[in-house]
Protein backbone atom coordinates (compact mmCIF):
# COMPACT_ATOMS: atom_id res chain seq x y z
CA MET A 1 -63.02 -28.22 124.97
CA THR A 2 -66.26 -29.39 126.57
CA VAL A 3 -67.71 -27.38 129.41
CA THR A 4 -70.02 -29.20 131.76
CA SER A 5 -72.35 -27.35 134.09
CA VAL A 6 -72.17 -28.20 137.74
CA PRO A 7 -75.43 -27.99 139.66
CA GLN A 8 -75.46 -25.06 142.09
CA THR A 9 -75.93 -27.39 145.04
CA ALA A 10 -72.77 -29.34 144.20
CA ARG A 11 -70.43 -26.32 144.16
CA THR A 12 -68.05 -25.82 147.03
CA VAL A 13 -67.68 -22.29 148.31
CA ILE A 14 -64.15 -21.43 149.31
CA PRO A 15 -63.77 -18.26 151.36
CA GLY A 16 -61.43 -15.54 150.17
CA PRO A 17 -60.46 -14.41 146.70
CA GLN A 18 -59.63 -17.08 144.18
CA ARG A 19 -56.62 -16.02 142.16
CA ARG A 20 -55.67 -17.86 139.09
CA PRO A 21 -53.25 -15.87 136.97
CA ALA A 22 -54.36 -15.55 133.38
CA ALA A 23 -50.90 -16.78 132.42
CA HIS A 24 -51.81 -20.30 133.46
CA ALA A 25 -54.74 -20.32 131.11
CA ASP A 26 -52.72 -19.76 127.97
CA GLY A 27 -49.30 -21.28 128.64
CA TRP A 28 -47.28 -18.18 129.56
CA ALA A 29 -46.33 -19.58 132.98
CA GLU A 30 -45.29 -22.87 131.40
CA LEU A 31 -43.14 -21.02 128.86
CA ILE A 32 -41.44 -19.05 131.63
CA GLU A 33 -40.87 -22.22 133.65
CA SER A 34 -39.34 -23.91 130.59
CA VAL A 35 -37.02 -20.95 130.07
CA LYS A 36 -36.14 -20.93 133.76
CA ASP A 37 -35.18 -24.60 133.55
CA ALA A 38 -33.31 -24.29 130.24
CA GLY A 39 -31.32 -21.26 131.36
CA ARG A 40 -31.00 -22.36 134.99
CA TYR A 41 -32.21 -18.96 136.12
CA PRO A 42 -32.56 -18.62 139.89
CA THR A 43 -35.94 -16.84 139.81
CA THR A 44 -39.08 -16.84 137.74
CA ALA A 45 -38.83 -13.05 137.48
CA GLN A 46 -35.41 -13.30 135.84
CA ALA A 47 -36.65 -15.95 133.41
CA GLU A 48 -39.62 -13.76 132.52
CA ARG A 49 -37.40 -10.71 131.96
CA VAL A 50 -35.09 -12.70 129.69
CA THR A 51 -38.04 -14.18 127.79
CA ARG A 52 -39.54 -10.77 127.11
CA VAL A 53 -36.21 -9.33 125.92
CA VAL A 54 -35.42 -12.24 123.59
CA LEU A 55 -38.94 -12.50 122.15
CA SER A 56 -39.08 -8.76 121.54
CA ALA A 57 -35.75 -8.96 119.70
CA LEU A 58 -37.00 -11.94 117.68
CA GLY A 59 -40.25 -10.13 116.87
CA GLY A 60 -38.32 -7.50 114.96
CA HIS A 61 -36.51 -10.09 112.86
CA VAL A 62 -39.26 -12.49 111.84
CA THR A 63 -41.65 -11.09 109.25
CA GLY A 64 -44.61 -12.02 107.10
CA ASP A 65 -46.56 -15.23 107.48
CA GLU A 66 -43.95 -16.75 109.79
CA ARG A 67 -44.27 -13.85 112.22
CA VAL A 68 -48.05 -14.19 112.28
CA ALA A 69 -47.88 -17.97 112.67
CA LEU A 70 -45.30 -17.71 115.45
CA ALA A 71 -47.34 -15.12 117.35
CA GLN A 72 -50.45 -17.29 117.04
CA ALA A 73 -48.68 -20.51 118.06
CA LEU A 74 -47.13 -19.07 121.21
CA PRO A 75 -49.00 -18.34 124.44
CA ALA A 76 -50.99 -15.12 124.08
CA GLU A 77 -48.60 -12.94 126.10
CA ALA A 78 -45.59 -14.19 124.14
CA GLY A 79 -47.49 -13.66 120.89
CA ARG A 80 -48.18 -10.05 121.88
CA VAL A 81 -44.49 -9.48 122.59
CA ILE A 82 -43.57 -10.85 119.14
CA ALA A 83 -46.32 -9.00 117.26
CA SER A 84 -45.77 -5.63 118.94
CA GLN A 85 -42.29 -5.16 117.49
CA ILE A 86 -41.50 -3.02 114.49
CA PRO A 87 -39.86 -5.17 111.80
CA ALA A 88 -36.16 -4.54 111.23
CA THR A 89 -35.27 -2.65 108.08
CA ARG A 90 -32.66 -5.23 107.11
CA PRO A 91 -31.91 -8.82 108.10
CA ARG A 92 -29.64 -9.02 111.14
CA THR A 93 -27.02 -11.70 111.57
CA ALA A 94 -27.25 -14.01 114.55
CA ARG A 95 -24.40 -12.09 116.13
CA GLU A 96 -26.26 -8.81 115.66
CA PHE A 97 -29.34 -10.45 117.17
CA VAL A 98 -27.32 -11.42 120.25
CA ASP A 99 -25.90 -7.88 120.39
CA THR A 100 -29.49 -6.57 120.36
CA VAL A 101 -30.35 -8.84 123.29
CA ALA A 102 -27.24 -7.63 125.14
CA ALA A 103 -28.15 -3.97 124.52
CA ARG A 104 -31.65 -4.55 125.94
CA THR A 105 -30.41 -6.35 129.05
CA GLU A 106 -28.82 -4.40 131.87
CA GLY A 107 -25.33 -5.66 132.66
CA ALA A 108 -25.29 -8.23 129.86
CA THR A 109 -22.19 -9.31 128.01
CA PRO A 110 -22.20 -10.98 124.59
CA ALA A 111 -21.74 -14.33 126.37
CA THR A 112 -24.66 -13.85 128.75
CA ALA A 113 -26.85 -12.51 125.94
CA ARG A 114 -26.02 -15.59 123.86
CA TRP A 115 -26.99 -17.77 126.84
CA ASP A 116 -30.24 -15.84 127.29
CA ALA A 117 -31.13 -16.05 123.60
CA GLY A 118 -30.43 -19.78 123.50
CA SER A 119 -32.36 -20.40 126.72
CA VAL A 120 -35.50 -18.83 125.28
CA LEU A 121 -35.24 -19.86 121.63
CA SER A 122 -34.36 -23.48 122.38
CA VAL A 123 -37.70 -24.05 124.12
CA LEU A 124 -39.78 -22.68 121.23
CA PRO A 125 -39.70 -25.79 118.99
CA THR A 126 -41.48 -27.81 121.69
CA LEU A 127 -44.17 -25.14 121.97
CA VAL A 128 -44.77 -24.26 118.33
CA GLY A 129 -43.53 -27.30 116.46
CA GLU A 130 -40.46 -28.08 114.42
CA ALA A 131 -42.14 -27.25 111.09
CA LEU A 132 -42.79 -23.63 112.09
CA ILE A 133 -39.26 -23.26 113.45
CA ASP A 134 -37.97 -24.59 110.11
CA ARG A 135 -39.94 -21.85 108.34
CA VAL A 136 -38.66 -19.19 110.73
CA LEU A 137 -35.06 -20.34 110.33
CA ALA A 138 -35.40 -20.38 106.53
CA GLN A 139 -36.28 -16.70 106.73
CA LEU A 140 -33.37 -15.72 108.98
CA PRO A 141 -29.71 -15.36 108.00
CA PRO A 142 -27.32 -18.24 108.77
CA GLY A 143 -26.30 -18.69 112.40
CA TYR A 144 -29.69 -18.60 114.09
CA ALA A 145 -30.13 -22.39 114.18
CA LEU A 146 -27.59 -22.67 116.98
CA LEU A 147 -29.64 -20.23 119.06
CA PHE A 148 -32.64 -22.52 118.62
CA GLY A 149 -30.58 -25.47 119.86
CA ARG A 150 -30.01 -26.99 116.44
CA ALA A 151 -26.91 -27.84 114.51
CA GLU A 152 -26.51 -25.72 111.42
CA LEU A 153 -25.00 -27.56 108.52
CA ALA A 154 -23.34 -25.66 105.74
CA SER A 155 -25.21 -25.92 102.49
CA ARG A 156 -23.41 -27.32 99.50
CA SER A 157 -23.18 -24.88 96.64
């Protein structure tokens, strides 16, 4: 990024406080807007709540280098949500993951929690790249690919 100085005489003074949320600077607002669109949530506040719940649940299930890479690739606020979670003591199935989301969301059912998880996780590949999502999915038990908006093919043994 190149920063160019503007001569003092060329600056325009605008009265009143200039508010630019820090979220715009690092992509958090764009992430929330993507989740809002994907999940068809009526408000930005609801999309943000869902995003925080799902990312915090995911943060407990992704470990090691993939967790670090995911936290670094996401907007700073999302990365903090991922990184602040205590890793799970055992791998959780996708169904258990959805149950965790439901337990953390007031009034949620398994169906709404599944919708919420898919709404958040399906926008991540665009933000962090398919290669990182491949690595994350390789670490998780079967069933998570559908939450990320991908088909999950059975492996041939």
